[in-house]
Every structure is written in C-alpha cells, then in structure tokens.
Protein backbone atom coordinates (compact mmCIF):
# COMPACT_ATOMS: atom_id res chain seq x y z
CA MET A 1 24.86 -14.43 21.16
CA LYS A 2 25.83 -13.41 17.64
CA SER A 3 22.17 -13.34 16.60
CA GLU A 4 21.24 -11.23 19.63
CA ARG A 5 23.98 -8.70 18.85
CA THR A 6 22.92 -8.61 15.21
CA ASP A 7 19.27 -7.97 16.13
CA THR A 8 20.30 -5.24 18.56
CA ASP A 9 22.43 -3.56 15.91
CA SER A 10 19.64 -3.82 13.33
CA LEU A 11 17.17 -2.28 15.75
CA ALA A 12 19.53 0.62 16.45
CA ARG A 13 19.98 1.27 12.73
CA VAL A 14 16.23 1.16 12.06
CA ILE A 15 15.60 3.63 14.89
CA ALA A 16 18.44 5.84 13.68
CA TYR A 17 16.91 5.96 10.20
CA HIS A 18 13.45 6.68 11.56
CA GLN A 19 14.69 9.58 13.67
CA ALA A 20 16.89 11.01 10.91
CA SER A 21 14.05 10.91 8.35
CA LYS A 22 11.62 12.92 10.47
CA HIS A 23 10.37 16.32 9.37
CA HIS A 24 10.49 19.04 12.04
CA LEU A 25 8.78 22.40 12.29
CA ASP A 26 12.12 24.18 11.86
CA ARG A 27 13.68 21.83 9.30
CA TYR A 28 12.85 19.03 6.89
CA ALA A 29 14.50 15.63 6.57
CA PRO A 30 17.54 15.60 4.23
CA GLY A 31 16.41 15.87 0.61
CA PRO A 32 17.86 16.57 -2.83
CA GLY A 33 17.47 20.33 -2.46
CA GLY A 34 15.87 20.61 -5.89
CA LEU A 35 14.57 18.41 -8.67
CA ASP A 36 16.89 17.34 -11.47
CA TRP A 37 14.16 16.96 -14.09
CA ALA A 38 16.57 15.70 -16.74
CA ASN A 39 17.40 12.80 -14.44
CA GLN A 40 13.82 11.91 -13.44
CA PRO A 41 13.51 8.11 -13.23
CA ASP A 42 11.65 6.22 -15.94
CA PRO A 43 8.37 5.13 -14.29
CA PHE A 44 8.38 1.83 -16.18
CA ARG A 45 10.82 -1.01 -15.64
CA ARG A 46 11.46 -3.26 -18.64
CA PHE A 47 13.59 -6.35 -19.13
CA ALA A 48 15.26 -6.30 -22.53
CA GLY A 49 15.48 -9.74 -24.10
CA ALA A 50 12.69 -11.29 -22.00
CA PRO A 51 9.86 -12.91 -24.01
CA ARG A 52 6.65 -10.89 -23.80
CA ILE A 53 3.05 -12.00 -23.48
CA GLU A 54 0.47 -9.35 -24.30
CA LEU A 55 -2.52 -9.37 -21.98
CA PRO A 56 -6.09 -8.59 -23.08
CA LEU A 57 -7.89 -5.61 -21.56
CA GLN A 58 -10.99 -7.24 -20.11
CA ALA A 59 -11.70 -5.46 -16.83
CA ASP A 60 -14.86 -3.99 -18.36
CA SER A 61 -16.25 -7.53 -18.57
CA LEU A 62 -16.11 -7.88 -14.79
CA ALA A 63 -19.57 -7.10 -13.42
CA THR A 64 -18.79 -7.59 -9.71
CA ALA A 65 -20.24 -4.68 -7.72
CA PHE A 66 -17.89 -2.78 -5.43
CA GLU A 67 -20.50 -3.02 -2.69
CA SER A 68 -20.26 -6.82 -2.84
CA VAL A 69 -16.46 -6.69 -2.72
CA ARG A 70 -16.30 -4.43 0.34
CA GLN A 71 -18.80 -6.68 2.10
CA GLY A 72 -16.64 -9.75 1.40
CA GLN A 73 -19.26 -11.28 -0.93
CA ARG A 74 -17.24 -12.86 -3.72
CA PRO A 75 -18.69 -13.91 -7.08
CA THR A 76 -18.14 -17.34 -8.58
CA ALA A 77 -14.38 -17.67 -8.95
CA ARG A 78 -12.91 -16.97 -12.36
CA PRO A 79 -10.77 -19.81 -13.76
CA LEU A 80 -7.01 -19.73 -13.32
CA GLU A 81 -5.93 -18.67 -16.81
CA ARG A 82 -4.19 -15.84 -18.65
CA ASN A 83 -7.32 -13.70 -19.06
CA SER A 84 -8.12 -13.80 -15.35
CA PHE A 85 -4.61 -12.68 -14.43
CA ALA A 86 -4.89 -9.99 -17.09
CA ILE A 87 -7.87 -8.54 -15.18
CA LEU A 88 -6.07 -8.94 -11.85
CA PHE A 89 -3.07 -6.94 -13.03
CA GLU A 90 -5.18 -4.37 -14.86
CA LEU A 91 -7.14 -3.55 -11.69
CA ALA A 92 -4.30 -3.93 -9.20
CA LEU A 93 -1.21 -2.44 -10.85
CA GLY A 94 -2.38 -1.29 -14.29
CA LEU A 95 -2.82 2.20 -15.72
CA SER A 96 -6.05 4.01 -14.84
CA ALA A 97 -5.63 7.11 -17.04
CA TRP A 98 -3.21 9.47 -18.73
CA LYS A 99 -3.12 13.12 -17.71
CA GLN A 100 -1.97 15.97 -19.91
CA HIS A 101 -1.20 19.62 -19.25
CA GLY A 102 0.51 21.67 -21.91
CA GLY A 103 3.41 19.64 -23.23
CA SER A 104 3.53 17.32 -20.22
CA ARG A 105 1.87 13.90 -20.16
CA TRP A 106 1.93 11.35 -17.36
CA ALA A 107 0.24 8.08 -16.43
CA LEU A 108 -1.86 7.31 -13.38
CA ARG A 109 -2.23 3.79 -11.99
CA CYS A 110 -4.80 1.87 -10.00
CA ASN A 111 -2.31 1.54 -7.14
CA PRO A 112 -1.54 5.01 -5.74
CA SER A 113 1.98 6.24 -5.17
CA SER A 114 3.76 9.07 -3.38
CA GLY A 115 4.36 11.77 -5.97
CA ASN A 116 3.04 9.38 -8.65
CA LEU A 117 6.60 7.97 -8.81
CA HIS A 118 5.67 4.28 -8.42
CA PRO A 119 8.58 2.44 -6.81
CA THR A 120 6.51 -0.78 -6.64
CA GLU A 121 6.95 -3.49 -9.29
CA GLY A 122 4.81 -6.61 -9.67
CA TYR A 123 5.76 -10.20 -10.55
CA LEU A 124 3.76 -13.35 -11.22
CA ILE A 125 4.99 -16.85 -10.33
CA CYS A 126 2.60 -19.37 -11.83
CA PRO A 127 2.33 -23.00 -12.96
CA ALA A 128 1.36 -23.91 -16.51
CA LEU A 129 -2.10 -22.41 -17.10
CA PRO A 130 -4.29 -21.85 -20.14
CA GLY A 131 -2.55 -19.08 -22.07
CA LEU A 132 0.51 -19.04 -19.80
CA THR A 133 3.51 -21.31 -19.57
CA ALA A 134 5.01 -21.99 -16.15
CA GLY A 135 7.56 -19.51 -14.90
CA VAL A 136 8.33 -16.14 -13.35
CA TYR A 137 6.96 -13.01 -15.03
CA HIS A 138 7.42 -9.28 -14.59
CA TYR A 139 4.34 -7.11 -15.17
CA LEU A 140 4.90 -4.07 -17.40
CA SER A 141 1.96 -1.77 -16.72
CA HIS A 142 2.67 0.61 -19.63
CA ASP A 143 2.12 -2.19 -22.17
CA HIS A 144 -0.19 -4.35 -20.03
CA ALA A 145 2.13 -7.25 -20.71
CA LEU A 146 4.04 -9.95 -18.89
CA GLU A 147 7.77 -10.32 -19.45
CA GLN A 148 8.91 -13.88 -18.79
CA ARG A 149 11.94 -13.53 -16.58
CA ALA A 150 12.49 -17.22 -15.85
CA VAL A 151 11.47 -20.62 -17.17
CA PRO A 152 11.73 -23.87 -15.20
CA ASN A 153 13.99 -26.72 -16.25
CA SER A 154 11.53 -29.34 -15.06
CA ALA A 155 8.12 -30.30 -16.42
CA THR A 156 6.92 -30.80 -12.84
CA TRP A 157 7.95 -27.31 -11.69
CA GLY A 158 5.13 -25.49 -9.97
CA ASN A 159 3.12 -28.59 -9.07
CA GLU A 160 2.91 -27.21 -5.53
CA LEU A 161 1.11 -24.14 -6.90
CA ARG A 162 -2.28 -25.79 -6.62
CA GLY A 163 -5.35 -23.59 -6.82
CA GLY A 164 -3.54 -20.31 -7.34
CA ALA A 165 -0.32 -18.47 -8.06
CA ILE A 166 2.00 -15.98 -6.38
CA LEU A 167 2.01 -12.24 -7.00
CA ALA A 168 5.16 -10.65 -5.59
CA LEU A 169 5.93 -6.98 -5.02
CA THR A 170 9.32 -5.29 -5.06
CA GLY A 171 10.52 -1.73 -4.51
CA ILE A 172 12.92 0.55 -6.41
CA HIS A 173 13.98 3.07 -3.78
CA TRP A 174 15.63 5.45 -6.22
CA ARG A 175 12.30 6.32 -7.84
CA GLU A 176 11.18 8.00 -4.61
CA ALA A 177 14.60 9.17 -3.40
CA TRP A 178 15.06 11.22 -6.60
CA LYS A 179 12.39 13.59 -5.30
CA TYR A 180 12.13 13.00 -1.56
CA GLY A 181 15.65 12.12 -0.41
CA LEU A 182 16.13 10.28 2.87
CA ARG A 183 12.43 10.07 3.75
CA ALA A 184 11.74 8.17 0.51
CA TYR A 185 12.21 4.75 2.10
CA ARG A 186 9.09 5.36 4.16
CA TYR A 187 7.12 6.24 1.04
CA CYS A 188 8.23 3.07 -0.72
CA GLN A 189 6.75 1.10 2.18
CA HIS A 190 3.51 3.12 2.12
CA ASP A 191 3.21 2.32 -1.58
CA CYS A 192 3.79 -1.37 -0.97
CA GLY A 193 0.90 -1.37 1.50
CA HIS A 194 -1.34 0.37 -1.02
CA ALA A 195 -0.36 -2.23 -3.63
CA ILE A 196 -1.09 -5.15 -1.29
CA ALA A 197 -4.58 -3.75 -0.78
CA ALA A 198 -5.02 -3.11 -4.51
CA VAL A 199 -4.18 -6.76 -5.23
CA ALA A 200 -6.59 -7.95 -2.54
CA TYR A 201 -9.49 -5.86 -3.90
CA ALA A 202 -8.85 -6.99 -7.48
CA ALA A 203 -8.59 -10.64 -6.44
CA ALA A 204 -11.90 -10.42 -4.56
CA ALA A 205 -13.62 -8.99 -7.63
CA LEU A 206 -12.50 -12.14 -9.47
CA GLY A 207 -13.90 -14.37 -6.74
CA TRP A 208 -10.39 -15.08 -5.45
CA ARG A 209 -8.53 -14.33 -2.24
CA ALA A 210 -5.15 -12.78 -1.66
CA GLN A 211 -3.03 -13.89 1.29
CA TRP A 212 0.32 -12.61 2.48
CA LEU A 213 2.90 -15.41 2.63
CA THR A 214 4.35 -14.23 5.92
CA GLY A 215 6.94 -16.99 6.25
CA TRP A 216 8.90 -15.96 3.16
CA GLY A 217 12.12 -14.03 3.73
CA ASP A 218 13.79 -11.41 1.57
CA ASP A 219 16.65 -13.56 0.28
CA GLU A 220 14.26 -16.35 -0.72
CA LEU A 221 12.03 -13.96 -2.61
CA ALA A 222 14.99 -12.20 -4.26
CA ALA A 223 16.33 -15.53 -5.54
CA LEU A 224 12.94 -16.56 -6.91
CA LEU A 225 12.49 -13.25 -8.77
CA GLY A 226 16.09 -13.00 -9.96
CA LEU A 227 16.68 -9.75 -8.05
CA ASP A 228 20.00 -11.08 -6.77
CA ARG A 229 21.38 -11.59 -10.29
CA ALA A 230 23.96 -8.82 -10.59
CA GLN A 231 24.41 -9.43 -14.30
CA ASP A 232 20.74 -8.69 -14.95
CA PHE A 233 20.94 -5.35 -13.10
CA ALA A 234 24.48 -4.37 -14.11
CA ASP A 235 23.60 -0.84 -15.28
CA ALA A 236 20.19 -0.61 -13.65
CA GLU A 237 18.87 0.57 -10.32
CA PRO A 238 18.34 -2.42 -8.01
CA GLU A 239 15.00 -3.73 -6.76
CA SER A 240 14.40 -4.81 -3.20
CA PRO A 241 12.07 -7.73 -2.40
CA GLU A 242 9.02 -6.70 -0.41
CA VAL A 243 6.20 -9.21 -0.15
CA ALA A 244 4.79 -12.39 -1.72
CA LEU A 245 1.02 -12.79 -1.96
CA TRP A 246 -0.86 -15.95 -2.74
CA VAL A 247 -3.76 -15.24 -5.12
CA GLY A 248 -6.40 -17.66 -6.33
CA PRO A 249 -9.66 -19.41 -5.51
CA GLU A 250 -8.03 -21.92 -3.14
CA PRO A 251 -5.93 -21.36 0.00
CA PRO A 252 -2.15 -21.67 -0.37
CA PRO A 253 -0.69 -25.18 -0.01
CA THR A 254 0.95 -25.80 3.35
CA ASP A 255 4.08 -27.20 1.64
CA LEU A 256 4.73 -24.12 -0.52
CA SER A 257 8.49 -23.47 -0.55
CA PRO A 258 10.23 -20.49 -2.19
CA LYS A 259 13.52 -22.38 -2.25
CA GLU A 260 12.04 -25.31 -4.17
CA LEU A 261 10.46 -22.94 -6.66
CA SER A 262 13.70 -21.03 -7.24
CA ASP A 263 15.75 -24.19 -7.87
CA GLY A 264 16.14 -25.02 -11.55
CA LEU A 265 15.06 -21.68 -13.03
CA SER A 266 16.75 -20.24 -16.11
CA PHE A 267 16.59 -16.43 -16.29
CA THR A 268 16.52 -14.10 -19.28
CA GLY A 269 16.35 -10.33 -19.68
CA ARG A 270 18.28 -7.31 -18.47
CA ALA A 271 16.70 -4.51 -16.47
CA ASN A 272 16.58 -1.05 -18.04
CA ARG A 273 18.33 1.88 -16.45
CA LEU A 274 15.85 4.40 -15.09
CA SER A 275 18.07 7.49 -14.72
CA HIS A 276 21.31 8.68 -16.27
CA ALA A 277 22.79 9.09 -12.81
CA GLN A 278 21.76 8.11 -9.30
CA ARG A 279 22.58 9.81 -6.02
CA ASP A 280 23.23 7.34 -3.24
CA TRP A 281 21.22 7.90 -0.09
CA HIS A 282 23.29 5.86 2.31
CA GLY A 283 20.67 6.03 5.04
CA ILE A 284 18.04 4.38 2.87
CA GLU A 285 20.12 1.33 1.99
CA GLU A 286 21.33 1.14 5.59
CA ALA A 287 17.72 1.06 6.78
CA ASP A 288 16.80 -1.55 4.18
CA ARG A 289 19.62 -3.82 5.34
CA ALA A 290 18.62 -3.33 8.97
CA ALA A 291 14.96 -4.13 8.18
CA HIS A 292 15.90 -7.26 6.24
CA ARG A 293 13.43 -10.12 6.72
CA PRO A 294 15.16 -13.43 7.54
CA ASN A 295 14.31 -16.60 5.65
CA ALA A 296 12.13 -19.43 6.96
CA LEU A 297 10.10 -17.31 9.35
CA SER A 298 7.21 -18.84 11.22
CA PRO A 299 4.00 -17.90 9.40
CA LEU A 300 1.69 -15.46 11.14
CA ALA A 301 -1.80 -16.72 11.86
CA PHE A 302 -3.90 -13.81 13.09
CA ARG A 303 -7.62 -14.50 12.78
CA PRO A 304 -9.84 -11.42 12.92
CA PRO A 305 -12.95 -11.55 15.10
CA SER A 306 -16.43 -11.77 13.65
CA ARG A 307 -18.13 -8.40 13.37
CA PRO A 308 -21.49 -7.15 12.10
CA SER A 309 -21.67 -6.60 8.36
CA LEU A 310 -20.63 -3.22 7.04
CA ALA A 311 -23.41 -0.71 6.55
CA LYS A 312 -24.13 -0.38 2.85
CA SER A 313 -22.29 2.45 1.11
CA GLY A 314 -24.99 3.18 -1.46
CA CYS A 315 -22.40 2.84 -4.22
CA GLN A 316 -23.86 1.41 -7.45
CA ALA A 317 -20.60 1.19 -9.40
CA SER A 318 -18.82 -2.01 -10.36
CA ALA A 319 -15.55 -2.76 -8.61
CA ALA A 320 -13.69 -2.32 -11.90
CA THR A 321 -15.18 1.13 -12.47
CA LEU A 322 -14.59 2.36 -8.93
CA ILE A 323 -11.03 1.04 -8.74
CA ARG A 324 -10.07 2.73 -12.01
CA GLN A 325 -11.73 6.05 -11.17
CA ARG A 326 -9.75 6.42 -7.92
CA ARG A 327 -7.61 9.56 -7.92
CA SER A 328 -5.55 11.41 -5.34
CA ALA A 329 -7.16 14.78 -4.67
CA VAL A 330 -4.86 17.78 -4.99
CA ALA A 331 -7.22 20.24 -3.25
CA PHE A 332 -10.48 20.23 -1.29
CA ASP A 333 -13.31 22.75 -1.37
CA GLY A 334 -13.55 23.41 2.37
CA VAL A 335 -17.37 23.18 2.37
CA THR A 336 -18.34 19.58 1.57
CA THR A 337 -19.79 17.68 4.53
CA LEU A 338 -20.09 13.94 5.03
CA PRO A 339 -23.10 12.27 6.69
CA ALA A 340 -22.17 10.71 10.01
CA GLU A 341 -23.57 7.32 8.98
CA ARG A 342 -21.32 7.23 5.93
CA TRP A 343 -18.32 8.28 8.01
CA PHE A 344 -19.00 5.49 10.49
CA GLY A 345 -19.14 3.06 7.55
CA MET A 346 -15.74 4.23 6.30
CA LEU A 347 -14.19 3.78 9.73
CA ASP A 348 -15.89 0.40 10.17
CA ALA A 349 -14.22 -0.75 6.94
CA LEU A 350 -10.86 -0.20 8.66
CA LEU A 351 -11.61 -2.98 11.15
CA PRO A 352 -10.44 -6.47 10.15
CA ARG A 353 -13.10 -9.02 9.24
CA PRO A 354 -12.62 -12.68 8.30
CA ASN A 355 -13.64 -12.37 4.63
CA ALA A 356 -13.59 -8.69 3.72
CA PRO A 357 -10.74 -7.41 1.54
CA PRO A 358 -8.18 -6.09 1.78
CA LEU A 359 -7.66 -6.83 5.48
CA ASP A 360 -8.44 -10.52 5.04
CA ALA A 361 -5.10 -10.69 3.19
CA TRP A 362 -3.27 -9.35 6.25
CA SER A 363 -2.09 -11.97 8.74
CA SER A 364 -0.85 -9.67 11.49
CA PRO A 365 -2.89 -8.27 14.40
CA PRO A 366 -3.77 -4.57 14.11
CA ARG A 367 -0.93 -2.31 15.17
CA VAL A 368 -2.10 0.92 13.51
CA HIS A 369 -4.90 3.07 14.92
CA PRO A 370 -6.32 6.22 13.26
CA LEU A 371 -6.28 9.56 15.07
CA LEU A 372 -9.04 11.61 13.40
CA PHE A 373 -9.13 15.39 12.87
CA VAL A 374 -12.85 15.92 12.31
CA HIS A 375 -13.80 19.06 10.40
CA ARG A 376 -17.12 18.55 8.56
CA ILE A 377 -19.06 15.46 9.59
CA ASP A 378 -22.82 16.07 9.88
CA GLY A 379 -23.95 15.74 13.49
CA ILE A 380 -20.43 15.18 14.85
CA PRO A 381 -18.76 18.10 16.68
CA PRO A 382 -15.40 19.08 15.17
CA GLY A 383 -12.43 17.92 17.16
CA LEU A 384 -10.03 15.04 17.75
CA TYR A 385 -11.25 11.44 17.76
CA LEU A 386 -9.56 8.06 17.87
CA LEU A 387 -10.51 4.68 16.40
CA ALA A 388 -9.01 1.78 18.35
CA ARG A 389 -8.73 -1.09 15.86
CA SER A 390 -8.17 -3.65 18.62
CA THR A 391 -9.48 -3.76 22.17
CA GLU A 392 -5.97 -4.59 23.45
CA ALA A 393 -4.68 -1.23 22.24
CA ILE A 394 -7.14 0.92 24.18
CA ALA A 395 -5.42 0.67 27.58
CA GLU A 396 -1.99 1.38 26.03
CA LEU A 397 -3.32 4.37 24.09
CA ARG A 398 -4.91 5.77 27.26
CA LYS A 399 -1.53 5.51 29.02
CA THR A 400 0.43 6.91 26.08
CA LEU A 401 -1.69 9.95 25.17
CA ALA A 402 -0.89 12.33 28.01
CA GLY A 403 -3.31 15.15 28.81
CA GLY A 404 -6.87 15.66 29.85
CA TRP A 405 -8.50 13.83 26.98
CA ASP A 406 -12.21 13.04 27.09
CA TRP A 407 -12.08 9.35 26.06
CA SER A 408 -15.87 9.10 25.77
CA ARG A 409 -17.49 6.77 23.26
CA VAL A 410 -19.22 8.46 20.34
CA GLU A 411 -22.85 7.74 21.10
CA GLN A 412 -24.11 7.94 17.51
CA ALA A 413 -21.60 5.33 16.31
CA PRO A 414 -22.53 1.66 15.96
CA GLU A 415 -22.01 -0.20 19.22
CA HIS A 416 -19.24 -2.39 17.80
CA LEU A 417 -17.23 0.60 16.48
CA PRO A 418 -14.60 1.56 19.11
CA LEU A 419 -14.64 5.28 18.29
CA TYR A 420 -13.58 7.68 21.07
CA ARG A 421 -13.87 11.44 21.33
CA LEU A 422 -10.69 13.01 22.70
CA ALA A 423 -11.51 16.72 22.46
CA VAL A 424 -14.09 19.00 20.87
CA GLY A 425 -12.95 22.08 19.00
CA ASP A 426 -11.72 23.41 15.68
CA ALA A 427 -8.90 21.09 14.62
CA ARG A 428 -8.24 22.61 11.20
CA ASP A 429 -5.19 24.67 12.12
CA ALA A 430 -3.61 21.73 13.94
CA ALA A 431 -4.18 19.43 10.97
CA ARG A 432 -2.82 22.00 8.52
CA VAL A 433 0.32 22.81 10.48
CA ILE A 434 1.17 19.19 11.27
CA CYS A 435 0.79 18.24 7.59
CA CYS A 436 3.55 20.62 6.51
CA HIS A 437 1.17 23.60 6.37
CA GLN A 438 -0.92 21.96 3.61
CA ASP A 439 -4.49 23.20 3.25
CA ILE A 440 -5.68 19.77 2.09
CA ALA A 441 -5.52 18.57 5.70
CA ALA A 442 -7.86 21.37 6.86
CA ASP A 443 -10.21 21.82 3.89
CA SER A 444 -11.39 18.21 3.98
CA CYS A 445 -14.24 16.51 5.83
CA PHE A 446 -11.72 14.79 8.05
CA ALA A 447 -8.00 14.09 8.21
CA VAL A 448 -6.19 11.10 9.71
CA GLY A 449 -2.90 10.50 11.45
CA PHE A 450 -2.09 6.78 11.62
CA LEU A 451 -0.63 5.99 15.06
CA ALA A 452 1.38 2.78 15.20
CA GLU A 453 2.57 0.62 18.05
CA PHE A 454 6.27 1.10 17.42
CA ALA A 455 9.06 0.29 19.86
CA GLY A 456 7.43 -2.89 21.19
CA PRO A 457 6.89 -4.66 17.83
CA LEU A 458 10.40 -3.68 16.67
CA GLN A 459 12.18 -4.91 19.78
CA GLU A 460 12.63 -8.52 18.67
CA THR A 461 11.85 -8.08 14.98
CA PRO A 462 13.36 -4.95 13.41
CA TRP A 463 12.01 -5.92 9.97
CA VAL A 464 8.52 -5.18 11.26
CA TYR A 465 9.43 -1.53 10.60
CA ARG A 466 8.47 -2.07 6.96
CA GLN A 467 5.29 -3.94 7.87
CA LEU A 468 4.03 -1.07 10.02
CA PHE A 469 4.20 1.22 7.01
CA TRP A 470 2.55 -1.46 4.85
CA GLU A 471 -0.33 -1.56 7.32
CA THR A 472 -0.82 2.21 7.04
CA GLY A 473 -0.88 1.86 3.25
CA LEU A 474 -3.51 -0.88 3.49
CA LEU A 475 -5.72 1.39 5.57
CA GLY A 476 -5.08 4.27 3.22
CA GLN A 477 -6.25 2.23 0.24
CA ILE A 478 -9.47 1.39 2.07
CA LEU A 479 -10.09 5.10 2.63
CA TYR A 480 -9.33 5.84 -1.02
CA LEU A 481 -12.01 3.46 -2.28
CA GLU A 482 -14.49 4.19 0.49
CA ALA A 483 -14.20 7.89 -0.38
CA GLU A 484 -14.84 7.17 -4.06
CA ALA A 485 -17.86 5.06 -3.09
CA ALA A 486 -19.19 8.04 -1.08
CA GLY A 487 -18.81 10.38 -4.06
CA ILE A 488 -15.89 12.31 -2.60
CA ARG A 489 -12.12 11.84 -2.79
CA ALA A 490 -9.04 11.20 -0.65
CA THR A 491 -5.31 11.65 -0.71
CA GLY A 492 -2.36 10.35 1.27
CA ILE A 493 0.01 12.79 2.98
CA GLY A 494 3.59 11.69 3.48
CA CYS A 495 4.83 15.15 4.47
CA PHE A 496 4.05 15.82 8.11
CA PHE A 497 5.94 17.02 11.18
CA ASP A 498 6.33 13.79 13.09
CA ASP A 499 7.11 15.03 16.57
CA ALA A 500 4.71 17.97 16.33
CA MET A 501 1.97 15.35 16.01
CA HIS A 502 3.37 13.50 19.01
CA ARG A 503 3.53 16.67 21.11
CA LEU A 504 -0.08 17.50 20.26
CA LEU A 505 -1.13 14.13 21.70
CA GLY A 506 1.30 14.09 24.60
CA ILE A 507 3.28 11.15 23.20
CA ASP A 508 6.76 10.91 24.68
CA GLY A 509 9.33 8.37 23.48
CA LEU A 510 9.02 5.75 20.76
CA ALA A 511 6.37 3.41 22.11
CA TRP A 512 3.95 4.94 19.59
CA GLN A 513 4.71 6.86 16.40
CA SER A 514 2.70 8.57 13.68
CA LEU A 515 3.67 6.95 10.35
CA TYR A 516 1.27 8.30 7.71
CA HIS A 517 -1.39 10.94 7.28
CA PHE A 518 -4.49 11.01 5.12
CA THR A 519 -7.34 13.35 4.27
CA VAL A 520 -10.82 12.90 2.78
CA GLY A 521 -13.17 15.53 1.38
CA GLY A 522 -14.87 17.23 -1.54
CA PRO A 523 -12.30 17.59 -4.35
CA VAL A 524 -11.50 20.66 -6.41
CA GLU A 525 -10.60 19.55 -9.93
CA ASP A 526 -7.94 21.32 -11.99
CA GLN A 527 -9.78 22.08 -15.22
CA ARG A 528 -6.52 22.76 -17.05
CA ILE A 529 -5.56 19.07 -16.93
CA ARG A 530 -6.97 16.76 -19.59
CA SER A 531 -7.76 13.13 -18.81
CA LEU A 532 -7.07 10.49 -21.48
CA PRO A 533 -7.87 6.75 -21.63
CA PRO A 534 -5.26 4.47 -20.03
CA TYR A 535 -4.53 2.09 -22.88
CA ALA A 536 -5.58 3.87 -26.08
CA HIS A 537 -1.93 3.72 -27.15
CA LEU A 538 -2.09 -0.08 -27.38
CA ARG A 539 -5.05 -0.47 -29.77
CA ARG A 540 -5.68 -3.83 -28.14
CA ALA A 541 -8.94 -5.65 -27.56
C-alpha cells in the first residue's frame, strides 16, 4: 500500500510539473525574466585533484562511411583500448568547432544541446585496458581528457566488464535553468536523448554497439559515479544520474551489477562551481524526485521487427566527418525543396531496426510518433502528415485525433512506411505560430511535432516521463544527421505552445502529448560568425 501511494504521489507531481512547464499562446512557462550574463554557467565541468589522462585526437583515422553506419553495416570492431575510447568520446561528446563573433567565442559539440548550454556530462566505467587503468572516469570535452574519479581497491574489479565498458550520462539542470527557467528540465531530457544517439552512432562507426542498461536505477548509478558524495560537490551544482549505456564489440554480460561495481571504489576530485550564484527552481527538483528511477528494475527487452533496408542517402562522407559537421540551423531560406524519395528515407530511418543505430540501442517499444508539417517536399502536397512508428499506435491515434482527418496512406511512399496524410493545405502559419512564432518552423522543407503516448505509460511508472523525452531526442538526432547527409540542415525547437498543438489536432486530455518540435530545411548561414577548429588550443596529435 505504501508503494502504491508513493507511485500515485509521484505521478501527480510529474503531471503537475508537465502542466506548469507548458507554454501558452497568452503566456510562457515561468522563466528567469532576463539573462544574468555575469552568472552564466561554465559549460565545462572539471574535477580538481583527479588524475588526468590526455586522449589522442584520432577521429580522422576512422574511415567508416556514414552510409554504412546508418544501414547498420559495422566495420571490423576496433580493439578495446584507450585510443578507441578516445575516438568514441571525440565523436559522441567532443567539441566539433569553436565559433567567434566580435569578442565572443563559444564551443560547439557533436552532441547538440538546447541553447548550446550542454547539461549532459559523460563518464566511462572500464576494466583495465591498454592505455587505461580500471576505474571510473569523467570526460572533459574541452581538453579531450579523462579525469579518473575513482580507482578500485581490488585487482579483480571490473572482471564482469567483458567485451566492453559502460558510458554513463548525467545532467546538470542548472545549466539549462539559468536561461530557460522551469521548462529547462524538459530540455535536459531532450539533450540526454540526443547524447544517447550520439554515443550509438559513434560506437557503430567503431564496429561496436551501444545498449541501454534499462535495469539500472538512479541511486545505483549515482553511487557508481560518485554523484551522491556531498563532499565532492560541496560548492558545486549537483549532477543527476540519467542513463548507463553498454558500449563495445560484445553484448553486455547478464551478471552485470552496478552495486558490485560501486563496492570498493576510492574517489578523488572535487567538482568545480559553474556559477557564482544559483537560483533554485523548486519545480525542477520536485519533478526530478518524482521521476526517480528505482533500483533493480526488470530489464526491457523490446526487439524491433525486421524491415527492408534503408534507401541509400547518396552521402559520400565518412561518419566522422558528417558527425562533426552537424550544426543547428538558426534560419532557413524558405525556398529549398527536398526530393520525396530522400524525405521518405529520412522518415524510414526513424523506424526501429534490429541493427541500425541509434535505435538499436533503445530497448523500449516506440512511444513517440512524428506529426509532420510539410512545406516543400517535391511531389508531396503541403499539409499535415503523420508517421506511425508502430502498428499498435495507429488505432489509438485515430481515436485521439478528433476531426475530419483524411487518414489515407501516402501512395508514393514505400509500402512498409506507415505514412498517413491527415490534411492538404498550407501548414506554414500553423507551424510558425505553434513554435512560438518562429520562422524556422515555416521556412523549412518540413517541421515535426513529436507526439508521445503519455498518460498510459506514466500510470504505473512515473519515471518514464524522462524516457519519453529521451526518445524524442533520439529521433531528433537521427533527423540531424539525415539532414546533413542530404546536404541540408536541421534544428530542434524546444519552445512551442503545447496545448495549441493539441487543439490543432483535436487532442483532449493527457493520453497523448507533444513533447518536442523539429524542423529541417535549407540553412541560411550567418557570415559574421567565424568557425575555428575544435581542438587547435590543445596542440595535440
């Protein structure tokens, strides 16, 4: 009975946060009311006193074609050693460029982030490997280095890490809340999903696989990473555990235990403070507590169905080149069109397949389905379309979307692609208004609103709230790289009027909710901004 009451209370608090953090046509979710630039968080977490291991910059040596990666065709697996993990981190969480305008200079990373604020931190838990001693490491992207946070007290520690290692992700909510206020918790979860996908793509380019360790709870992961050590974060903004991913050429051992790994670790290092002062957003921490993942969960075991191979993208670039060239567009030209065949290929990449990254790292059935505002797709009438990522969702979506929608299959689409036309007509104004009056949603080739099964999945498991946002981030990362492969560009949109989207579709209640928006088109580059190499400041081979 106590557990039932606790779950009910957690669900109520998650729903309360979700409702309070919505943007509305007549008002925005609570925010800071202005940006305190002098208090902007440091984008790089460091642990003073932790031993450092510099990593070589070797992503250029990786010849794997992006086309092979997106098709799930992995090269011969790289050995488990320091240099391989150096490439993994460089392509997943490393810097991709520096930008400069006037006296301002800022870094971009391979994993995208809302406002380029980067709440997501990465950790490596590995056994003794060539070039690396066993232990727990924090990845510092600015220096492309590992900081050894913990060393084991036993020579046999990590024996269960056979054929791989663990890459864990955490979130620093303050980095986003500084700019976005209450809604920032959502953005931290989007970013985690993008990072999961970034890890999966980078692992595939190495011939490895990434797999979400779904049975690991938050407390277990916090103990393993030292996030629960108050003395190490005494003056610093806390980090919240998010997700543990197995990475390597072999599948994870069935006896892998976070508790056994965390026993007998000796920690070093103190986290740096990111801002002089921090405003508490009570609703964010309340939501994080309510969405807490229990320990010792039963692992998820979703197996995606077999599908025809993806149509070739025509991209000739290596995975390393394409991943590092990804940028978030700031404006679109309003004239670029996309061939229908290429658009179908992009949408097809959003369907889970047994071996294709990044969705082969995701162990949960599809709960997120893209609503498409089509503006400029050759041969496809403008209007509203919907991609049902699972056949089970179609009947529920038909019941949920009230109104006289068409619901006809798009004839030009491949037979296995469940793409439905809802209405024909100019959807640019609707896309623009819903996305906080931003032209990028209307000047693109197409825009996306990610609809998620909501109330049902949360009913027994409130912590799934975070996972729904992760799933939208995964899909967003696919669109980012598919857009780059098509010679255009994409950007995520976290600012949208939630219930205006629901009213457009006739959605009433919380059974389905729109959790993220996206847009893809021909970019307009700001010629005033200079682009500089990512790691020229290191002078490292």
